[in-house]
PDB file of all heavy atoms in Angstrom:
ATOM      1  N   PRO A   1     -18.809  -5.654   5.312  1.00  0.00           N
ATOM      2  CA  PRO A   1     -19.012  -6.685   4.290  1.00  0.00           C
ATOM      3  C   PRO A   1     -17.813  -6.715   3.385  1.00  0.00           C
ATOM      4  O   PRO A   1     -17.242  -5.704   2.994  1.00  0.00           O
ATOM      5  CB  PRO A   1     -20.246  -6.172   3.534  1.00  0.00           C
ATOM      6  CG  PRO A   1     -21.010  -5.361   4.537  1.00  0.00           C
ATOM      7  CD  PRO A   1     -19.934  -4.671   5.395  1.00  0.00           C
ATOM      8  N   GLY A   2     -17.339  -7.913   3.096  1.00  0.00           N
ATOM      9  CA  GLY A   2     -16.163  -8.109   2.253  1.00  0.00           C
ATOM     10  C   GLY A   2     -14.873  -8.236   3.051  1.00  0.00           C
ATOM     11  O   GLY A   2     -13.822  -8.480   2.531  1.00  0.00           O
ATOM     12  N   TYR A   3     -14.992  -8.010   4.352  1.00  0.00           N
ATOM     13  CA  TYR A   3     -13.825  -8.072   5.268  1.00  0.00           C
ATOM     14  C   TYR A   3     -14.106  -9.130   6.332  1.00  0.00           C
ATOM     15  O   TYR A   3     -15.258  -9.367   6.687  1.00  0.00           O
ATOM     16  CB  TYR A   3     -13.543  -6.729   5.935  1.00  0.00           C
ATOM     17  CG  TYR A   3     -13.069  -5.701   4.940  1.00  0.00           C
ATOM     18  CD1 TYR A   3     -13.919  -4.986   4.173  1.00  0.00           C
ATOM     19  CD2 TYR A   3     -11.652  -5.484   4.752  1.00  0.00           C
ATOM     20  CE1 TYR A   3     -13.495  -4.039   3.245  1.00  0.00           C
ATOM     21  CE2 TYR A   3     -11.234  -4.559   3.847  1.00  0.00           C
ATOM     22  CZ  TYR A   3     -12.127  -3.844   3.079  1.00  0.00           C
ATOM     23  OH  TYR A   3     -11.682  -2.920   2.165  1.00  0.00           O
ATOM     24  N   ASP A   4     -13.053  -9.704   6.892  1.00  0.00           N
ATOM     25  CA  ASP A   4     -13.231 -10.703   7.934  1.00  0.00           C
ATOM     26  C   ASP A   4     -12.148 -10.479   8.983  1.00  0.00           C
ATOM     27  O   ASP A   4     -11.130  -9.844   8.776  1.00  0.00           O
ATOM     28  CB  ASP A   4     -13.084 -12.097   7.335  1.00  0.00           C
ATOM     29  CG  ASP A   4     -13.799 -13.165   8.193  1.00  0.00           C
ATOM     30  OD1 ASP A   4     -14.321 -12.823   9.285  1.00  0.00           O
ATOM     31  OD2 ASP A   4     -13.833 -14.325   7.761  1.00  0.00           O
ATOM     32  N   ARG A   5     -12.419 -10.988  10.205  1.00  0.00           N
ATOM     33  CA  ARG A   5     -11.497 -10.853  11.291  1.00  0.00           C
ATOM     34  C   ARG A   5     -10.436 -11.964  11.207  1.00  0.00           C
ATOM     35  O   ARG A   5     -10.679 -13.016  10.615  1.00  0.00           O
ATOM     36  CB  ARG A   5     -12.189 -10.881  12.627  1.00  0.00           C
ATOM     37  CG  ARG A   5     -12.828 -12.218  12.965  1.00  0.00           C
ATOM     38  CD  ARG A   5     -13.567 -12.107  14.280  1.00  0.00           C
ATOM     39  NE  ARG A   5     -14.408 -13.280  14.502  1.00  0.00           N
ATOM     40  CZ  ARG A   5     -14.008 -14.345  15.211  1.00  0.00           C
ATOM     41  NH1 ARG A   5     -12.827 -14.364  15.777  1.00  0.00           N
ATOM     42  NH2 ARG A   5     -14.806 -15.391  15.368  1.00  0.00           N
ATOM     43  N   GLU A   6      -9.288 -11.691  11.823  1.00  0.00           N
ATOM     44  CA  GLU A   6      -8.253 -12.669  11.928  1.00  0.00           C
ATOM     45  C   GLU A   6      -8.831 -13.858  12.777  1.00  0.00           C
ATOM     46  O   GLU A   6      -9.586 -13.626  13.717  1.00  0.00           O
ATOM     47  CB  GLU A   6      -7.054 -12.042  12.639  1.00  0.00           C
ATOM     48  CG  GLU A   6      -5.852 -12.900  12.764  1.00  0.00           C
ATOM     49  CD  GLU A   6      -4.702 -12.156  13.396  1.00  0.00           C
ATOM     50  OE1 GLU A   6      -4.987 -11.225  14.186  1.00  0.00           O
ATOM     51  OE2 GLU A   6      -3.550 -12.520  13.118  1.00  0.00           O
ATOM     52  N   ALA A   7      -8.477 -15.095  12.412  1.00  0.00           N
ATOM     53  CA  ALA A   7      -8.982 -16.243  13.130  1.00  0.00           C
ATOM     54  C   ALA A   7      -8.692 -16.116  14.620  1.00  0.00           C
ATOM     55  O   ALA A   7      -7.545 -15.835  15.017  1.00  0.00           O
ATOM     56  CB  ALA A   7      -8.358 -17.519  12.580  1.00  0.00           C
ATOM     57  N   GLY A   8      -9.711 -16.310  15.457  1.00  0.00           N
ATOM     58  CA  GLY A   8      -9.529 -16.241  16.902  1.00  0.00           C
ATOM     59  C   GLY A   8      -9.517 -14.864  17.472  1.00  0.00           C
ATOM     60  O   GLY A   8      -9.422 -14.718  18.685  1.00  0.00           O
ATOM     61  N   ALA A   9      -9.546 -13.851  16.654  1.00  0.00           N
ATOM     62  CA  ALA A   9      -9.474 -12.419  17.181  1.00  0.00           C
ATOM     63  C   ALA A   9     -10.781 -12.100  17.878  1.00  0.00           C
ATOM     64  O   ALA A   9     -11.858 -12.349  17.376  1.00  0.00           O
ATOM     65  CB  ALA A   9      -9.222 -11.449  16.047  1.00  0.00           C
ATOM     66  N   TYR A  10     -10.668 -11.451  19.040  1.00  0.00           N
ATOM     67  CA  TYR A  10     -11.812 -11.045  19.803  1.00  0.00           C
ATOM     68  C   TYR A  10     -12.108  -9.612  19.535  1.00  0.00           C
ATOM     69  O   TYR A  10     -11.199  -8.742  19.740  1.00  0.00           O
ATOM     70  CB  TYR A  10     -11.536 -11.283  21.313  1.00  0.00           C
ATOM     71  CG  TYR A  10     -12.665 -10.863  22.207  1.00  0.00           C
ATOM     72  CD1 TYR A  10     -13.892 -11.508  22.143  1.00  0.00           C
ATOM     73  CD2 TYR A  10     -12.544  -9.810  23.110  1.00  0.00           C
ATOM     74  CE1 TYR A  10     -14.969 -11.150  22.969  1.00  0.00           C
ATOM     75  CE2 TYR A  10     -13.607  -9.429  23.962  1.00  0.00           C
ATOM     76  CZ  TYR A  10     -14.808 -10.134  23.857  1.00  0.00           C
ATOM     77  OH  TYR A  10     -15.843  -9.745  24.681  1.00  0.00           O
ATOM     78  N   LEU A  11     -13.258  -9.264  19.017  1.00  0.00           N
ATOM     79  CA  LEU A  11     -13.599  -7.923  18.583  1.00  0.00           C
ATOM     80  C   LEU A  11     -14.313  -7.097  19.688  1.00  0.00           C
ATOM     81  O   LEU A  11     -14.808  -6.049  19.393  1.00  0.00           O
ATOM     82  CB  LEU A  11     -14.428  -7.956  17.310  1.00  0.00           C
ATOM     83  CG  LEU A  11     -13.793  -8.680  16.157  1.00  0.00           C
ATOM     84  CD1 LEU A  11     -14.709  -8.644  14.926  1.00  0.00           C
ATOM     85  CD2 LEU A  11     -12.460  -8.084  15.767  1.00  0.00           C
ATOM     86  N   GLY A  12     -14.325  -7.627  20.884  1.00  0.00           N
ATOM     87  CA  GLY A  12     -15.037  -6.938  21.957  1.00  0.00           C
ATOM     88  C   GLY A  12     -14.128  -5.944  22.697  1.00  0.00           C
ATOM     89  O   GLY A  12     -12.905  -6.079  22.738  1.00  0.00           O
ATOM     90  N   ILE A  13     -14.740  -4.937  23.258  1.00  0.00           N
ATOM     91  CA  ILE A  13     -14.065  -3.921  24.097  1.00  0.00           C
ATOM     92  C   ILE A  13     -14.938  -3.712  25.332  1.00  0.00           C
ATOM     93  O   ILE A  13     -16.140  -3.913  25.266  1.00  0.00           O
ATOM     94  CB  ILE A  13     -13.811  -2.601  23.340  1.00  0.00           C
ATOM     95  CG1 ILE A  13     -15.127  -1.932  22.912  1.00  0.00           C
ATOM     96  CG2 ILE A  13     -12.900  -2.853  22.122  1.00  0.00           C
ATOM     97  CD1 ILE A  13     -14.955  -0.602  22.231  1.00  0.00           C
ATOM     98  N   GLN A  14     -14.303  -3.216  26.425  1.00  0.00           N
ATOM     99  CA  GLN A  14     -15.092  -2.952  27.621  1.00  0.00           C
ATOM    100  C   GLN A  14     -14.603  -1.693  28.272  1.00  0.00           C
ATOM    101  O   GLN A  14     -13.400  -1.419  28.360  1.00  0.00           O
ATOM    102  CB  GLN A  14     -14.944  -4.129  28.612  1.00  0.00           C
ATOM    103  CG  GLN A  14     -15.819  -3.917  29.851  1.00  0.00           C
ATOM    104  CD  GLN A  14     -15.949  -5.152  30.723  1.00  0.00           C
ATOM    105  OE1 GLN A  14     -15.206  -6.122  30.601  1.00  0.00           O
ATOM    106  NE2 GLN A  14     -16.918  -5.138  31.617  1.00  0.00           N
ATOM    107  N   CYS A  15     -15.533  -0.910  28.798  1.00  0.00           N
ATOM    108  CA  CYS A  15     -15.251   0.324  29.528  1.00  0.00           C
ATOM    109  C   CYS A  15     -14.896  -0.094  30.965  1.00  0.00           C
ATOM    110  O   CYS A  15     -15.705  -0.620  31.694  1.00  0.00           O
ATOM    111  CB  CYS A  15     -16.470   1.235  29.548  1.00  0.00           C
ATOM    112  SG  CYS A  15     -16.199   2.822  30.367  1.00  0.00           S
ATOM    113  N   THR A  16     -13.632   0.211  31.346  1.00  0.00           N
ATOM    114  CA  THR A  16     -13.161  -0.152  32.685  1.00  0.00           C
ATOM    115  C   THR A  16     -12.573   1.052  33.392  1.00  0.00           C
ATOM    116  O   THR A  16     -12.205   2.029  32.710  1.00  0.00           O
ATOM    117  CB  THR A  16     -12.132  -1.297  32.633  1.00  0.00           C
ATOM    118  OG1 THR A  16     -10.987  -0.848  31.906  1.00  0.00           O
ATOM    119  CG2 THR A  16     -12.702  -2.555  32.004  1.00  0.00           C
ATOM    120  N   SER A  17     -12.398   0.949  34.668  1.00  0.00           N
ATOM    121  CA  SER A  17     -11.846   2.050  35.457  1.00  0.00           C
ATOM    122  C   SER A  17     -10.338   1.813  35.673  1.00  0.00           C
ATOM    123  O   SER A  17      -9.944   0.786  36.101  1.00  0.00           O
ATOM    124  CB  SER A  17     -12.569   2.130  36.830  1.00  0.00           C
ATOM    125  OG  SER A  17     -12.052   3.209  37.549  1.00  0.00           O
ATOM    126  N   GLU A  18      -9.553   2.818  35.311  1.00  0.00           N
ATOM    127  CA  GLU A  18      -8.117   2.795  35.501  1.00  0.00           C
ATOM    128  C   GLU A  18      -7.763   4.005  36.334  1.00  0.00           C
ATOM    129  O   GLU A  18      -8.581   4.859  36.602  1.00  0.00           O
ATOM    130  CB  GLU A  18      -7.363   2.829  34.127  1.00  0.00           C
ATOM    131  CG  GLU A  18      -7.686   1.638  33.253  1.00  0.00           C
ATOM    132  CD  GLU A  18      -7.075   0.339  33.775  1.00  0.00           C
ATOM    133  OE1 GLU A  18      -5.973   0.400  34.359  1.00  0.00           O
ATOM    134  OE2 GLU A  18      -7.719  -0.693  33.628  1.00  0.00           O
ATOM    135  N   GLN A  19      -6.475   4.116  36.706  1.00  0.00           N
ATOM    136  CA  GLN A  19      -6.049   5.238  37.520  1.00  0.00           C
ATOM    137  C   GLN A  19      -6.374   6.585  36.850  1.00  0.00           C
ATOM    138  O   GLN A  19      -6.759   7.540  37.528  1.00  0.00           O
ATOM    139  CB  GLN A  19      -4.532   5.137  37.780  1.00  0.00           C
ATOM    140  CG  GLN A  19      -4.068   6.157  38.773  1.00  0.00           C
ATOM    141  CD  GLN A  19      -2.605   5.940  39.145  1.00  0.00           C
ATOM    142  OE1 GLN A  19      -1.973   4.978  38.690  1.00  0.00           O
ATOM    143  NE2 GLN A  19      -2.055   6.777  40.007  1.00  0.00           N
ATOM    144  N   GLN A  20      -6.243   6.646  35.540  1.00  0.00           N
ATOM    145  CA  GLN A  20      -6.485   7.908  34.828  1.00  0.00           C
ATOM    146  C   GLN A  20      -7.952   8.110  34.517  1.00  0.00           C
ATOM    147  O   GLN A  20      -8.350   9.144  33.959  1.00  0.00           O
ATOM    148  CB  GLN A  20      -5.634   7.970  33.537  1.00  0.00           C
ATOM    149  CG  GLN A  20      -6.100   7.027  32.426  1.00  0.00           C
ATOM    150  CD  GLN A  20      -5.429   5.667  32.476  1.00  0.00           C
ATOM    151  OE1 GLN A  20      -4.986   5.226  33.504  1.00  0.00           O
ATOM    152  NE2 GLN A  20      -5.373   5.005  31.350  1.00  0.00           N
ATOM    153  N   GLY A  21      -8.831   7.173  34.879  1.00  0.00           N
ATOM    154  CA  GLY A  21     -10.255   7.318  34.680  1.00  0.00           C
ATOM    155  C   GLY A  21     -10.795   6.149  33.845  1.00  0.00           C
ATOM    156  O   GLY A  21     -10.170   5.113  33.778  1.00  0.00           O
ATOM    157  N   ALA A  22     -11.949   6.336  33.241  1.00  0.00           N
ATOM    158  CA  ALA A  22     -12.576   5.295  32.466  1.00  0.00           C
ATOM    159  C   ALA A  22     -11.905   5.196  31.104  1.00  0.00           C
ATOM    160  O   ALA A  22     -11.699   6.207  30.434  1.00  0.00           O
ATOM    161  CB  ALA A  22     -14.072   5.602  32.287  1.00  0.00           C
ATOM    162  N   VAL A  23     -11.547   3.965  30.717  1.00  0.00           N
ATOM    163  CA  VAL A  23     -10.911   3.751  29.404  1.00  0.00           C
ATOM    164  C   VAL A  23     -11.489   2.467  28.750  1.00  0.00           C
ATOM    165  O   VAL A  23     -12.000   1.578  29.468  1.00  0.00           O
ATOM    166  CB  VAL A  23      -9.361   3.596  29.506  1.00  0.00           C
ATOM    167  CG1 VAL A  23      -8.732   4.883  29.977  1.00  0.00           C
ATOM    168  CG2 VAL A  23      -9.006   2.424  30.414  1.00  0.00           C
ATOM    169  N   TRP A  24     -11.406   2.400  27.454  1.00  0.00           N
ATOM    170  CA  TRP A  24     -11.780   1.210  26.745  1.00  0.00           C
ATOM    171  C   TRP A  24     -10.620   0.224  26.797  1.00  0.00           C
ATOM    172  O   TRP A  24      -9.507   0.583  26.452  1.00  0.00           O
ATOM    173  CB  TRP A  24     -12.105   1.526  25.294  1.00  0.00           C
ATOM    174  CG  TRP A  24     -13.409   2.257  25.100  1.00  0.00           C
ATOM    175  CD1 TRP A  24     -13.516   3.568  24.686  1.00  0.00           C
ATOM    176  CD2 TRP A  24     -14.733   1.744  25.292  1.00  0.00           C
ATOM    177  NE1 TRP A  24     -14.849   3.873  24.614  1.00  0.00           N
ATOM    178  CE2 TRP A  24     -15.625   2.783  24.990  1.00  0.00           C
ATOM    179  CE3 TRP A  24     -15.256   0.549  25.708  1.00  0.00           C
ATOM    180  CZ2 TRP A  24     -16.998   2.640  25.065  1.00  0.00           C
ATOM    181  CZ3 TRP A  24     -16.624   0.397  25.772  1.00  0.00           C
ATOM    182  CH2 TRP A  24     -17.492   1.431  25.472  1.00  0.00           C
ATOM    183  N   LYS A  25     -10.868  -1.049  27.179  1.00  0.00           N
ATOM    184  CA  LYS A  25      -9.872  -2.072  27.149  1.00  0.00           C
ATOM    185  C   LYS A  25     -10.077  -2.891  25.872  1.00  0.00           C
ATOM    186  O   LYS A  25     -11.185  -3.339  25.605  1.00  0.00           O
ATOM    187  CB  LYS A  25      -9.989  -3.001  28.367  1.00  0.00           C
ATOM    188  CG  LYS A  25      -9.440  -2.407  29.610  1.00  0.00           C
ATOM    189  CD  LYS A  25      -7.934  -2.259  29.456  1.00  0.00           C
ATOM    190  CE  LYS A  25      -7.332  -1.840  30.776  1.00  0.00           C
ATOM    191  NZ  LYS A  25      -5.895  -1.644  30.662  1.00  0.00           N
ATOM    192  N   HIS A  26      -9.013  -3.033  25.077  1.00  0.00           N
ATOM    193  CA  HIS A  26      -9.084  -3.650  23.739  1.00  0.00           C
ATOM    194  C   HIS A  26      -8.011  -4.699  23.638  1.00  0.00           C
ATOM    195  O   HIS A  26      -7.058  -4.779  24.426  1.00  0.00           O
ATOM    196  CB  HIS A  26      -8.785  -2.610  22.661  1.00  0.00           C
ATOM    197  CG  HIS A  26      -9.690  -1.428  22.633  1.00  0.00           C
ATOM    198  ND1 HIS A  26     -10.673  -1.283  21.747  1.00  0.00           N
ATOM    199  CD2 HIS A  26      -9.668  -0.303  23.393  1.00  0.00           C
ATOM    200  CE1 HIS A  26     -11.255  -0.098  21.930  1.00  0.00           C
ATOM    201  NE2 HIS A  26     -10.684   0.487  22.929  1.00  0.00           N
ATOM    202  N   THR A  27      -8.087  -5.484  22.583  1.00  0.00           N
ATOM    203  CA  THR A  27      -7.005  -6.369  22.160  1.00  0.00           C
ATOM    204  C   THR A  27      -6.667  -6.056  20.730  1.00  0.00           C
ATOM    205  O   THR A  27      -7.441  -5.348  20.017  1.00  0.00           O
ATOM    206  CB  THR A  27      -7.401  -7.895  22.268  1.00  0.00           C
ATOM    207  OG1 THR A  27      -8.580  -8.080  21.451  1.00  0.00           O
ATOM    208  CG2 THR A  27      -7.736  -8.273  23.711  1.00  0.00           C
ATOM    209  N   LEU A  28      -5.587  -6.543  20.266  1.00  0.00           N
ATOM    210  CA  LEU A  28      -5.199  -6.372  18.873  1.00  0.00           C
ATOM    211  C   LEU A  28      -6.065  -7.229  17.985  1.00  0.00           C
ATOM    212  O   LEU A  28      -6.304  -8.379  18.288  1.00  0.00           O
ATOM    213  CB  LEU A  28      -3.739  -6.719  18.620  1.00  0.00           C
ATOM    214  CG  LEU A  28      -2.682  -5.813  19.229  1.00  0.00           C
ATOM    215  CD1 LEU A  28      -1.294  -6.412  19.072  1.00  0.00           C
ATOM    216  CD2 LEU A  28      -2.754  -4.446  18.570  1.00  0.00           C
ATOM    217  N   PHE A  29      -6.548  -6.661  16.849  1.00  0.00           N
ATOM    218  CA  PHE A  29      -7.245  -7.487  15.883  1.00  0.00           C
ATOM    219  C   PHE A  29      -7.116  -6.853  14.509  1.00  0.00           C
ATOM    220  O   PHE A  29      -6.711  -5.720  14.393  1.00  0.00           O
ATOM    221  CB  PHE A  29      -8.705  -7.724  16.266  1.00  0.00           C
ATOM    222  CG  PHE A  29      -9.581  -6.518  16.105  1.00  0.00           C
ATOM    223  CD1 PHE A  29     -10.188  -6.233  14.913  1.00  0.00           C
ATOM    224  CD2 PHE A  29      -9.795  -5.671  17.189  1.00  0.00           C
ATOM    225  CE1 PHE A  29     -11.021  -5.135  14.778  1.00  0.00           C
ATOM    226  CE2 PHE A  29     -10.634  -4.577  17.075  1.00  0.00           C
ATOM    227  CZ  PHE A  29     -11.247  -4.304  15.852  1.00  0.00           C
ATOM    228  N   LYS A  30      -7.457  -7.640  13.478  1.00  0.00           N
ATOM    229  CA  LYS A  30      -7.376  -7.192  12.113  1.00  0.00           C
ATOM    230  C   LYS A  30      -8.684  -7.471  11.393  1.00  0.00           C
ATOM    231  O   LYS A  30      -9.289  -8.497  11.585  1.00  0.00           O
ATOM    232  CB  LYS A  30      -6.289  -7.927  11.339  1.00  0.00           C
ATOM    233  CG  LYS A  30      -4.892  -7.823  11.932  1.00  0.00           C
ATOM    234  CD  LYS A  30      -3.943  -8.760  11.221  1.00  0.00           C
ATOM    235  CE  LYS A  30      -2.563  -8.708  11.878  1.00  0.00           C
ATOM    236  NZ  LYS A  30      -1.624  -9.626  11.207  1.00  0.00           N
ATOM    237  N   CYS A  31      -9.104  -6.545  10.582  1.00  0.00           N
ATOM    238  CA  CYS A  31     -10.177  -6.769   9.609  1.00  0.00           C
ATOM    239  C   CYS A  31      -9.499  -6.728   8.262  1.00  0.00           C
ATOM    240  O   CYS A  31      -8.913  -5.711   7.847  1.00  0.00           O
ATOM    241  CB  CYS A  31     -11.263  -5.695   9.663  1.00  0.00           C
ATOM    242  SG  CYS A  31     -12.384  -5.880  11.067  1.00  0.00           S
ATOM    243  N   PHE A  32      -9.467  -7.887   7.554  1.00  0.00           N
ATOM    244  CA  PHE A  32      -8.733  -7.974   6.313  1.00  0.00           C
ATOM    245  C   PHE A  32      -9.703  -8.230   5.141  1.00  0.00           C
ATOM    246  O   PHE A  32     -10.798  -8.769   5.306  1.00  0.00           O
ATOM    247  CB  PHE A  32      -7.621  -9.016   6.337  1.00  0.00           C
ATOM    248  CG  PHE A  32      -8.132 -10.350   6.735  1.00  0.00           C
ATOM    249  CD1 PHE A  32      -8.597 -11.256   5.786  1.00  0.00           C
ATOM    250  CD2 PHE A  32      -8.126 -10.809   8.050  1.00  0.00           C
ATOM    251  CE1 PHE A  32      -9.064 -12.501   6.121  1.00  0.00           C
ATOM    252  CE2 PHE A  32      -8.577 -12.047   8.415  1.00  0.00           C
ATOM    253  CZ  PHE A  32      -9.028 -12.919   7.447  1.00  0.00           C
ATOM    254  N   ASP A  33      -9.255  -7.882   3.909  1.00  0.00           N
ATOM    255  CA  ASP A  33     -10.021  -8.032   2.723  1.00  0.00           C
ATOM    256  C   ASP A  33     -10.112  -9.531   2.380  1.00  0.00           C
ATOM    257  O   ASP A  33      -9.084 -10.181   2.167  1.00  0.00           O
ATOM    258  CB  ASP A  33      -9.376  -7.249   1.572  1.00  0.00           C
ATOM    259  CG  ASP A  33     -10.224  -7.149   0.348  1.00  0.00           C
ATOM    260  OD1 ASP A  33     -11.082  -8.017   0.153  1.00  0.00           O
ATOM    261  OD2 ASP A  33     -10.012  -6.193  -0.413  1.00  0.00           O
ATOM    262  N   LYS A  34     -11.273 -10.050   2.293  1.00  0.00           N
ATOM    263  CA  LYS A  34     -11.452 -11.505   2.045  1.00  0.00           C
ATOM    264  C   LYS A  34     -10.896 -11.912   0.664  1.00  0.00           C
ATOM    265  O   LYS A  34     -10.435 -12.999   0.453  1.00  0.00           O
ATOM    266  CB  LYS A  34     -12.970 -11.893   2.067  1.00  0.00           C
ATOM    267  CG  LYS A  34     -13.569 -11.918   3.432  1.00  0.00           C
ATOM    268  CD  LYS A  34     -15.017 -12.348   3.296  1.00  0.00           C
ATOM    269  CE  LYS A  34     -15.708 -12.378   4.650  1.00  0.00           C
ATOM    270  NZ  LYS A  34     -17.113 -12.704   4.573  1.00  0.00           N
ATOM    271  N   LYS A  35     -10.960 -10.990  -0.314  1.00  0.00           N
ATOM    272  CA  LYS A  35     -10.504 -11.271  -1.671  1.00  0.00           C
ATOM    273  C   LYS A  35      -8.994 -11.491  -1.746  1.00  0.00           C
ATOM    274  O   LYS A  35      -8.514 -12.164  -2.608  1.00  0.00           O
ATOM    275  CB  LYS A  35     -10.862 -10.137  -2.619  1.00  0.00           C
ATOM    276  CG  LYS A  35     -12.368  -9.981  -2.830  1.00  0.00           C
ATOM    277  CD  LYS A  35     -12.605  -8.803  -3.774  1.00  0.00           C
ATOM    278  CE  LYS A  35     -13.765  -7.977  -3.172  1.00  0.00           C
ATOM    279  NZ  LYS A  35     -13.864  -6.636  -3.734  1.00  0.00           N
ATOM    280  N   ASN A  36      -8.267 -10.857  -0.860  1.00  0.00           N
ATOM    281  CA  ASN A  36      -6.791 -10.901  -0.890  1.00  0.00           C
ATOM    282  C   ASN A  36      -6.199 -11.843   0.155  1.00  0.00           C
ATOM    283  O   ASN A  36      -5.081 -11.662   0.570  1.00  0.00           O
ATOM    284  CB  ASN A  36      -6.264  -9.496  -0.678  1.00  0.00           C
ATOM    285  CG  ASN A  36      -6.609  -8.554  -1.788  1.00  0.00           C
ATOM    286  OD1 ASN A  36      -6.732  -8.999  -2.920  1.00  0.00           O
ATOM    287  ND2 ASN A  36      -6.757  -7.295  -1.493  1.00  0.00           N
ATOM    288  N   LEU A  37      -6.973 -12.878   0.562  1.00  0.00           N
ATOM    289  CA  LEU A  37      -6.452 -13.772   1.584  1.00  0.00           C
ATOM    290  C   LEU A  37      -5.152 -14.454   1.163  1.00  0.00           C
ATOM    291  O   LEU A  37      -4.224 -14.575   1.935  1.00  0.00           O
ATOM    292  CB  LEU A  37      -7.509 -14.860   1.892  1.00  0.00           C
ATOM    293  CG  LEU A  37      -8.635 -14.452   2.763  1.00  0.00           C
ATOM    294  CD1 LEU A  37      -9.603 -15.613   2.942  1.00  0.00           C
ATOM    295  CD2 LEU A  37      -8.141 -13.992   4.116  1.00  0.00           C
ATOM    296  N   SER A  38      -5.088 -14.966  -0.072  1.00  0.00           N
ATOM    297  CA  SER A  38      -3.949 -15.723  -0.489  1.00  0.00           C
ATOM    298  C   SER A  38      -2.737 -14.855  -0.821  1.00  0.00           C
ATOM    299  O   SER A  38      -1.620 -15.312  -0.805  1.00  0.00           O
ATOM    300  CB  SER A  38      -4.312 -16.573  -1.741  1.00  0.00           C
ATOM    301  OG  SER A  38      -4.718 -15.732  -2.778  1.00  0.00           O
ATOM    302  N   SER A  39      -2.955 -13.564  -1.050  1.00  0.00           N
ATOM    303  CA  SER A  39      -1.862 -12.683  -1.455  1.00  0.00           C
ATOM    304  C   SER A  39      -1.142 -12.071  -0.268  1.00  0.00           C
ATOM    305  O   SER A  39      -0.190 -11.321  -0.434  1.00  0.00           O
ATOM    306  CB  SER A  39      -2.362 -11.579  -2.387  1.00  0.00           C
ATOM    307  OG  SER A  39      -3.203 -10.733  -1.664  1.00  0.00           O
ATOM    308  N   MET A  40      -1.608 -12.362   0.927  1.00  0.00           N
ATOM    309  CA  MET A  40      -1.044 -11.749   2.142  1.00  0.00           C
ATOM    310  C   MET A  40      -1.009 -10.247   2.018  1.00  0.00           C
ATOM    311  O   MET A  40      -0.019  -9.573   2.279  1.00  0.00           O
ATOM    312  CB  MET A  40       0.382 -12.292   2.392  1.00  0.00           C
ATOM    313  CG  MET A  40       0.424 -13.783   2.667  1.00  0.00           C
ATOM    314  SD  MET A  40      -0.582 -14.254   4.087  1.00  0.00           S
ATOM    315  CE  MET A  40       0.369 -13.668   5.452  1.00  0.00           C
TER     316      MET A  40
END
């Protein structure tokens, strides 16, 4: 609460099989403070 994701950011992750074993596949995303939107 009080934080929001970057527009269009996908917050999902999936457990997949890689050569080194099972790993979580992610993308980059941000949770930012809604109060400080204009201040960057």
